[in-house]
Amino acid sequence: MNLQARTKKAIALIVVVLVVVAVGIGAVVWALVDSAEPRLPEITAYGDGNSVTVSPTQHCNVNLEDCVENPITQLSVRAGYPLQLSLPSEISDAPWRLIAVYGDLQTGETFLDGIMVEPGQRSAITVPSDPNLQLLGVEVQLPSAVVDEAGEPIAHAVWAVQTF
């Protein structure tokens, strides 16, 4: 098939215009992504048929300066029902700590439980409950290199869920 010179020029012009448009769209997308505010990772919490997205309650820079405080996320989870947390790779690929607070429904006493999780070990966790112990809340913490008087790392980012 032999195309006329005029047809060849039209096809070449259309191809050039499409390439220029594609490059322009790519440049606009790159500029928008490059100028976007960095977002902190979020955790998904699920319990007793409800789920919420949990933003960081506290976040500080590495030197524990310039801290930002946000409201604690609340989720209704009845006593005896577990809480499930799903963590993004930005958290699960680092060492992180889980602290759970329980309240005895009979005595009103509170108890703390916690674990330290190694990098890449878990991206989801189920926090157990007991019919006699109400899960009052949990914290997921990313420890910093700064330690307290007891030698424990201080968290530079915290995701908290208050359950009731």
Protein backbone atom coordinates (compact mmCIF):
# COMPACT_ATOMS: atom_id res chain seq x y z
CA MET A 1 0.00 0.00 0.00
CA ASN A 2 1.49 3.27 -1.08
CA LEU A 3 0.41 6.36 0.85
CA GLN A 4 0.52 9.77 -0.70
CA ALA A 5 3.05 12.26 0.62
CA ARG A 6 0.24 14.41 1.97
CA THR A 7 -1.22 11.50 3.99
CA LYS A 8 2.22 10.63 5.37
CA LYS A 9 2.71 14.22 6.53
CA ALA A 10 -0.72 14.23 8.23
CA ILE A 11 0.03 10.98 10.07
CA ALA A 12 3.45 12.27 11.15
CA LEU A 13 1.89 15.51 12.40
CA ILE A 14 -0.75 13.61 14.40
CA VAL A 15 1.95 11.40 15.96
CA VAL A 16 4.02 14.46 16.92
CA VAL A 17 0.97 16.16 18.47
CA LEU A 18 0.13 13.00 20.48
CA VAL A 19 3.73 12.74 21.75
CA VAL A 20 3.74 16.42 22.78
CA VAL A 21 0.38 16.01 24.58
CA ALA A 22 1.61 12.86 26.38
CA VAL A 23 4.81 14.62 27.50
CA GLY A 24 2.77 17.62 28.68
CA ILE A 25 0.38 15.45 30.69
CA GLY A 26 3.33 13.57 32.22
CA ALA A 27 4.98 16.87 33.22
CA VAL A 28 1.78 18.16 34.85
CA VAL A 29 1.26 14.92 36.79
CA TRP A 30 4.91 14.93 37.92
CA ALA A 31 4.63 18.55 39.09
CA LEU A 32 1.43 17.83 41.05
CA VAL A 33 2.88 14.74 42.72
CA ASP A 34 6.16 16.50 43.48
CA SER A 35 4.43 19.47 45.13
CA ALA A 36 1.91 17.40 47.12
CA GLU A 37 2.17 17.47 50.89
CA PRO A 38 3.64 14.24 52.23
CA ARG A 39 0.98 12.16 53.97
CA LEU A 40 1.64 10.23 57.10
CA PRO A 41 0.66 6.56 57.03
CA GLU A 42 -2.72 5.53 58.41
CA ILE A 43 -3.83 2.36 60.20
CA THR A 44 -7.15 0.60 59.65
CA ALA A 45 -8.88 -0.57 62.84
CA TYR A 46 -11.77 -3.06 62.80
CA GLY A 47 -13.78 -4.32 65.74
CA ASP A 48 -17.31 -5.43 66.57
CA GLY A 49 -18.52 -4.85 62.99
CA ASN A 50 -17.10 -1.32 62.69
CA SER A 51 -13.97 0.01 61.03
CA VAL A 52 -12.14 3.34 61.12
CA THR A 53 -9.06 4.87 59.57
CA VAL A 54 -6.56 5.98 62.20
CA SER A 55 -4.31 8.95 61.52
CA PRO A 56 -1.29 9.61 63.72
CA THR A 57 -2.32 10.97 67.11
CA GLN A 58 1.17 12.37 67.61
CA HIS A 59 4.07 12.79 65.23
CA CYS A 60 7.43 14.39 65.92
CA ASN A 61 10.62 14.72 63.95
CA VAL A 62 13.52 12.38 64.79
CA ASN A 63 14.80 14.71 67.55
CA LEU A 64 11.30 14.76 69.11
CA GLU A 65 10.86 18.41 68.18
CA ASP A 66 8.11 20.04 66.13
CA CYS A 67 5.48 17.62 67.45
CA VAL A 68 1.96 17.63 66.06
CA GLU A 69 -0.95 16.40 68.19
CA ASN A 70 -4.23 15.17 66.66
CA PRO A 71 -7.45 13.83 68.22
CA ILE A 72 -7.60 10.18 69.25
CA THR A 73 -9.74 8.00 66.98
CA GLN A 74 -12.70 6.34 68.70
CA LEU A 75 -14.24 2.96 67.88
CA SER A 76 -17.06 1.10 69.61
CA VAL A 77 -15.87 -2.41 70.56
CA ARG A 78 -17.85 -4.31 73.19
CA ALA A 79 -16.11 -6.36 75.89
CA GLY A 80 -15.22 -9.80 74.58
CA TYR A 81 -14.76 -8.63 70.99
CA PRO A 82 -11.24 -8.38 69.53
CA LEU A 83 -9.78 -5.38 67.73
CA GLN A 84 -7.95 -5.96 64.46
CA LEU A 85 -5.35 -3.55 63.16
CA SER A 86 -3.98 -3.42 59.63
CA LEU A 87 -0.71 -1.52 59.25
CA PRO A 88 0.78 -0.11 56.06
CA SER A 89 4.34 -1.01 55.09
CA GLU A 90 5.62 2.38 56.29
CA ILE A 91 4.90 1.12 59.82
CA SER A 92 5.20 -2.67 59.53
CA ASP A 93 8.60 -2.48 57.80
CA ALA A 94 10.00 -0.68 60.86
CA PRO A 95 10.22 -1.84 64.47
CA TRP A 96 6.94 -0.92 66.17
CA ARG A 97 5.30 -1.38 69.53
CA LEU A 98 1.68 -2.17 70.45
CA ILE A 99 0.30 -1.15 73.84
CA ALA A 100 -3.20 -2.27 74.88
CA VAL A 101 -5.12 -0.96 77.90
CA TYR A 102 -7.84 -3.11 79.48
CA GLY A 103 -10.36 -2.30 82.21
CA ASP A 104 -11.82 -4.88 84.60
CA LEU A 105 -15.59 -4.47 84.45
CA GLN A 106 -16.02 -5.71 88.05
CA THR A 107 -13.26 -3.84 89.90
CA GLY A 108 -12.54 -0.88 87.62
CA GLU A 109 -8.82 -1.72 87.64
CA THR A 110 -6.82 -1.09 84.48
CA PHE A 111 -4.13 -3.29 82.98
CA LEU A 112 -1.48 -2.68 80.35
CA ASP A 113 -0.25 -5.25 77.86
CA GLY A 114 2.20 -4.74 75.04
CA ILE A 115 4.56 -6.25 72.53
CA MET A 116 7.47 -5.08 70.42
CA VAL A 117 7.33 -6.20 66.79
CA GLU A 118 10.42 -6.61 64.60
CA PRO A 119 10.55 -4.99 61.13
CA GLY A 120 8.58 -6.88 58.49
CA GLN A 121 7.27 -9.41 61.00
CA ARG A 122 3.57 -8.40 60.96
CA SER A 123 1.38 -6.09 58.93
CA ALA A 124 -1.79 -6.98 60.86
CA ILE A 125 -2.52 -7.86 64.45
CA THR A 126 -5.54 -8.96 66.46
CA VAL A 127 -5.79 -7.51 69.96
CA PRO A 128 -7.72 -10.06 72.04
CA SER A 129 -10.45 -9.24 74.51
CA ASP A 130 -12.28 -11.03 77.29
CA PRO A 131 -15.93 -10.73 78.35
CA ASN A 132 -14.75 -9.54 81.80
CA LEU A 133 -12.15 -7.10 80.48
CA GLN A 134 -13.13 -4.15 78.33
CA LEU A 135 -10.47 -3.13 75.84
CA LEU A 136 -10.13 0.59 76.59
CA GLY A 137 -7.70 1.45 73.84
CA VAL A 138 -4.53 0.69 71.94
CA GLU A 139 -1.49 2.58 70.76
CA VAL A 140 0.82 1.69 67.91
CA GLN A 141 4.15 3.42 68.40
CA LEU A 142 7.17 3.91 66.17
CA PRO A 143 10.07 4.26 68.60
CA SER A 144 12.76 6.88 68.04
CA ALA A 145 16.46 6.72 68.81
CA VAL A 146 15.80 8.91 71.88
CA VAL A 147 15.42 6.98 75.14
CA ASP A 148 13.88 7.89 78.51
CA GLU A 149 15.52 7.60 81.95
CA ALA A 150 14.80 3.85 82.01
CA GLY A 151 16.48 3.35 78.63
CA GLU A 152 13.18 2.80 76.78
CA PRO A 153 12.83 4.38 73.32
CA ILE A 154 10.40 7.29 73.20
CA ALA A 155 7.86 7.15 70.36
CA HIS A 156 8.16 9.74 67.62
CA ALA A 157 4.88 8.66 66.03
CA VAL A 158 1.76 7.28 67.73
CA TRP A 159 -1.52 5.97 66.34
CA ALA A 160 -4.16 5.66 69.09
CA VAL A 161 -7.64 4.13 69.14
CA GLN A 162 -9.92 4.60 72.13
CA THR A 163 -12.43 1.79 72.37
CA PHE A 164 -15.60 1.80 74.44
